Amino acid sequence: MMWAARRARRSATACWPCSVSTSGSRYADRHTAHITKTYGSTVSMEVYVFADPAPDGRVSRIEETTLMLQGADTDRDIGSAR
């Protein structure tokens, strides 16, 4: 999520959680990100997060995938880390 805000430069980003689940030591989350880019165009993405915690409570591994709900074809990788 933070990557999307950085790439969009001074944009507004809002997230609404859809569902959160824990199973044993695994964490799963689904939320929707609504991004307004600098020049006013908008992107909405559904984000799926899967994480494993480390023994000290921090995240040791995270996997994230996105599904674009609204936006231009050029925005498809807005949430990708490079």
N, C-alpha and C. Protein backbone atom coordinates (compact mmCIF):
# COMPACT_ATOMS: atom_id res chain seq x y z
N MET A 1 0.80 -1.18 0.00
CA MET A 1 0.00 0.00 0.00
C MET A 1 0.85 1.25 0.00
N MET A 2 1.88 1.28 0.80
CA MET A 2 2.72 2.46 0.85
C MET A 2 3.37 2.73 -0.50
N TRP A 3 3.69 1.67 -1.24
CA TRP A 3 4.32 1.85 -2.55
C TRP A 3 3.39 2.61 -3.48
N ALA A 4 2.11 2.32 -3.43
CA ALA A 4 1.15 2.97 -4.31
C ALA A 4 1.12 4.47 -4.04
N ALA A 5 1.13 4.85 -2.78
CA ALA A 5 1.10 6.27 -2.44
C ALA A 5 2.37 6.97 -2.90
N ARG A 6 3.51 6.32 -2.77
CA ARG A 6 4.77 6.93 -3.21
C ARG A 6 4.80 7.11 -4.72
N ARG A 7 4.37 6.09 -5.45
CA ARG A 7 4.41 6.19 -6.91
C ARG A 7 3.44 7.22 -7.43
N ALA A 8 2.32 7.41 -6.76
CA ALA A 8 1.31 8.34 -7.24
C ALA A 8 1.67 9.79 -6.89
N ARG A 9 2.69 10.00 -6.09
CA ARG A 9 3.20 11.30 -5.67
C ARG A 9 2.12 12.21 -5.11
N ARG A 10 2.21 12.45 -3.84
CA ARG A 10 1.29 13.32 -3.12
C ARG A 10 -0.16 12.99 -3.39
N SER A 11 -0.48 11.74 -3.37
CA SER A 11 -1.85 11.32 -3.61
C SER A 11 -2.55 11.06 -2.29
N ALA A 12 -3.84 10.89 -2.37
CA ALA A 12 -4.62 10.50 -1.21
C ALA A 12 -4.92 9.01 -1.33
N THR A 13 -4.73 8.28 -0.25
CA THR A 13 -4.99 6.85 -0.27
C THR A 13 -5.87 6.51 0.93
N ALA A 14 -6.91 5.74 0.68
CA ALA A 14 -7.79 5.29 1.77
C ALA A 14 -7.98 3.80 1.63
N CYS A 15 -8.03 3.09 2.75
CA CYS A 15 -8.23 1.64 2.74
C CYS A 15 -9.39 1.28 3.63
N TRP A 16 -10.18 0.33 3.18
CA TRP A 16 -11.26 -0.21 3.98
C TRP A 16 -11.07 -1.71 4.08
N PRO A 17 -10.93 -2.24 5.30
CA PRO A 17 -10.78 -3.69 5.44
C PRO A 17 -12.07 -4.40 5.07
N CYS A 18 -11.95 -5.48 4.33
CA CYS A 18 -13.10 -6.30 3.97
C CYS A 18 -13.16 -7.51 4.88
N SER A 19 -12.01 -8.14 5.12
CA SER A 19 -11.99 -9.29 6.00
C SER A 19 -10.57 -9.54 6.50
N VAL A 20 -10.48 -10.03 7.72
CA VAL A 20 -9.21 -10.39 8.32
C VAL A 20 -9.38 -11.77 8.94
N SER A 21 -8.36 -12.61 8.77
CA SER A 21 -8.45 -13.97 9.29
C SER A 21 -7.08 -14.39 9.81
N THR A 22 -7.08 -15.15 10.87
CA THR A 22 -5.85 -15.76 11.35
C THR A 22 -6.09 -17.25 11.49
N SER A 23 -5.09 -18.02 11.14
CA SER A 23 -5.18 -19.47 11.25
C SER A 23 -3.84 -19.96 11.79
N GLY A 24 -3.83 -20.36 13.05
CA GLY A 24 -2.56 -20.75 13.66
C GLY A 24 -1.64 -19.55 13.70
N SER A 25 -0.51 -19.64 13.02
CA SER A 25 0.43 -18.53 13.01
C SER A 25 0.35 -17.72 11.72
N ARG A 26 -0.62 -17.99 10.87
CA ARG A 26 -0.75 -17.27 9.60
C ARG A 26 -1.76 -16.14 9.72
N TYR A 27 -1.57 -15.10 8.91
CA TYR A 27 -2.45 -13.94 8.90
C TYR A 27 -2.91 -13.71 7.46
N ALA A 28 -4.19 -13.44 7.25
CA ALA A 28 -4.71 -13.13 5.92
C ALA A 28 -5.60 -11.90 6.04
N ASP A 29 -5.55 -11.07 5.02
CA ASP A 29 -6.30 -9.82 5.04
C ASP A 29 -6.75 -9.51 3.61
N ARG A 30 -7.94 -8.97 3.48
CA ARG A 30 -8.43 -8.49 2.19
C ARG A 30 -8.95 -7.10 2.42
N HIS A 31 -8.43 -6.13 1.68
CA HIS A 31 -8.91 -4.76 1.82
C HIS A 31 -8.95 -4.07 0.46
N THR A 32 -9.66 -2.97 0.40
CA THR A 32 -9.78 -2.21 -0.83
C THR A 32 -9.05 -0.88 -0.65
N ALA A 33 -8.20 -0.55 -1.62
CA ALA A 33 -7.46 0.71 -1.60
C ALA A 33 -8.05 1.63 -2.66
N HIS A 34 -8.38 2.84 -2.24
CA HIS A 34 -8.89 3.87 -3.15
C HIS A 34 -7.84 4.97 -3.23
N ILE A 35 -7.27 5.17 -4.40
CA ILE A 35 -6.14 6.08 -4.58
C ILE A 35 -6.55 7.22 -5.51
N THR A 36 -6.27 8.46 -5.09
CA THR A 36 -6.45 9.62 -5.96
C THR A 36 -5.07 10.13 -6.30
N LYS A 37 -4.72 10.08 -7.58
CA LYS A 37 -3.38 10.48 -8.01
C LYS A 37 -3.29 12.00 -8.11
N THR A 38 -2.07 12.50 -8.26
CA THR A 38 -1.78 13.93 -8.24
C THR A 38 -2.68 14.74 -9.17
N TYR A 39 -2.93 14.24 -10.35
CA TYR A 39 -3.71 15.01 -11.31
C TYR A 39 -5.19 14.68 -11.28
N GLY A 40 -5.64 13.98 -10.24
CA GLY A 40 -7.06 13.76 -10.01
C GLY A 40 -7.64 12.44 -10.47
N SER A 41 -6.93 11.66 -11.27
CA SER A 41 -7.46 10.37 -11.68
C SER A 41 -7.45 9.42 -10.48
N THR A 42 -8.33 8.44 -10.51
CA THR A 42 -8.47 7.54 -9.37
C THR A 42 -8.23 6.09 -9.76
N VAL A 43 -7.82 5.32 -8.78
CA VAL A 43 -7.59 3.88 -8.94
C VAL A 43 -8.19 3.21 -7.70
N SER A 44 -8.90 2.12 -7.92
CA SER A 44 -9.40 1.30 -6.81
C SER A 44 -8.88 -0.11 -7.02
N MET A 45 -8.32 -0.68 -5.96
CA MET A 45 -7.75 -2.02 -6.04
C MET A 45 -8.17 -2.82 -4.82
N GLU A 46 -8.46 -4.10 -5.05
CA GLU A 46 -8.66 -5.01 -3.95
C GLU A 46 -7.31 -5.66 -3.68
N VAL A 47 -6.90 -5.70 -2.42
CA VAL A 47 -5.58 -6.19 -2.05
C VAL A 47 -5.74 -7.40 -1.13
N TYR A 48 -5.03 -8.47 -1.46
CA TYR A 48 -5.05 -9.70 -0.67
C TYR A 48 -3.66 -9.87 -0.06
N VAL A 49 -3.61 -10.02 1.26
CA VAL A 49 -2.34 -10.11 1.99
C VAL A 49 -2.29 -11.44 2.76
N PHE A 50 -1.16 -12.12 2.68
CA PHE A 50 -0.92 -13.35 3.44
C PHE A 50 0.43 -13.18 4.13
N ALA A 51 0.49 -13.40 5.44
CA ALA A 51 1.73 -13.15 6.17
C ALA A 51 1.99 -14.22 7.22
N ASP A 52 3.26 -14.42 7.52
CA ASP A 52 3.70 -15.30 8.59
C ASP A 52 4.46 -14.45 9.60
N PRO A 53 4.09 -14.52 10.87
CA PRO A 53 4.81 -13.74 11.88
C PRO A 53 6.10 -14.43 12.32
N ALA A 54 7.07 -13.63 12.70
CA ALA A 54 8.32 -14.14 13.29
C ALA A 54 8.07 -14.36 14.79
N PRO A 55 8.93 -15.12 15.45
CA PRO A 55 8.75 -15.36 16.89
C PRO A 55 8.69 -14.08 17.73
N ASP A 56 9.35 -13.00 17.27
CA ASP A 56 9.34 -11.75 18.04
C ASP A 56 8.13 -10.87 17.72
N GLY A 57 7.20 -11.35 16.89
CA GLY A 57 5.98 -10.60 16.60
C GLY A 57 6.01 -9.80 15.31
N ARG A 58 7.20 -9.60 14.76
CA ARG A 58 7.27 -8.90 13.48
C ARG A 58 6.88 -9.85 12.36
N VAL A 59 6.68 -9.31 11.17
CA VAL A 59 6.33 -10.14 10.01
C VAL A 59 7.61 -10.71 9.41
N SER A 60 7.66 -12.03 9.27
CA SER A 60 8.85 -12.66 8.69
C SER A 60 8.71 -12.86 7.18
N ARG A 61 7.48 -13.01 6.71
CA ARG A 61 7.24 -13.21 5.27
C ARG A 61 5.87 -12.67 4.94
N ILE A 62 5.78 -12.00 3.79
CA ILE A 62 4.49 -11.47 3.35
C ILE A 62 4.33 -11.66 1.85
N GLU A 63 3.14 -12.03 1.46
CA GLU A 63 2.80 -12.13 0.04
C GLU A 63 1.57 -11.27 -0.16
N GLU A 64 1.57 -10.51 -1.25
CA GLU A 64 0.46 -9.62 -1.51
C GLU A 64 0.15 -9.66 -2.99
N THR A 65 -1.12 -9.68 -3.31
CA THR A 65 -1.54 -9.62 -4.71
C THR A 65 -2.70 -8.64 -4.81
N THR A 66 -2.86 -8.04 -5.98
CA THR A 66 -3.89 -7.03 -6.15
C THR A 66 -4.79 -7.35 -7.34
N LEU A 67 -5.99 -6.83 -7.28
CA LEU A 67 -6.95 -6.92 -8.37
C LEU A 67 -7.47 -5.51 -8.60
N MET A 68 -7.20 -4.94 -9.79
CA MET A 68 -7.64 -3.59 -10.07
C MET A 68 -9.14 -3.60 -10.35
N LEU A 69 -9.87 -2.76 -9.63
CA LEU A 69 -11.32 -2.66 -9.80
C LEU A 69 -11.68 -1.47 -10.68
N GLN A 70 -10.88 -0.40 -10.61
CA GLN A 70 -11.13 0.81 -11.39
C GLN A 70 -9.80 1.48 -11.66
N GLY A 71 -9.61 1.98 -12.88
CA GLY A 71 -8.39 2.69 -13.23
C GLY A 71 -7.99 2.42 -14.66
N ALA A 72 -6.98 3.12 -15.10
CA ALA A 72 -6.47 2.96 -16.47
C ALA A 72 -5.56 1.74 -16.55
N ASP A 73 -5.41 1.20 -17.75
CA ASP A 73 -4.51 0.06 -17.95
C ASP A 73 -3.09 0.37 -17.49
N THR A 74 -2.67 1.62 -17.61
CA THR A 74 -1.31 2.01 -17.19
C THR A 74 -1.14 1.97 -15.67
N ASP A 75 -2.24 1.87 -14.93
CA ASP A 75 -2.18 1.82 -13.45
C ASP A 75 -2.13 0.40 -12.91
N ARG A 76 -2.10 -0.59 -13.76
CA ARG A 76 -2.17 -1.99 -13.30
C ARG A 76 -1.05 -2.36 -12.33
N ASP A 77 0.12 -1.75 -12.45
CA ASP A 77 1.24 -2.10 -11.56
C ASP A 77 1.47 -1.06 -10.47
N ILE A 78 0.48 -0.24 -10.17
CA ILE A 78 0.66 0.84 -9.20
C ILE A 78 1.03 0.34 -7.81
N GLY A 79 0.62 -0.87 -7.46
CA GLY A 79 0.94 -1.42 -6.15
C GLY A 79 2.15 -2.33 -6.13
N SER A 80 2.88 -2.39 -7.23
CA SER A 80 4.03 -3.31 -7.34
C SER A 80 5.30 -2.67 -6.82
N ALA A 81 6.07 -3.45 -6.09
CA ALA A 81 7.40 -3.01 -5.65
C ALA A 81 8.39 -3.29 -6.77
N ARG A 82 9.35 -2.44 -6.91
CA ARG A 82 10.36 -2.63 -7.97
C ARG A 82 11.71 -2.82 -7.36
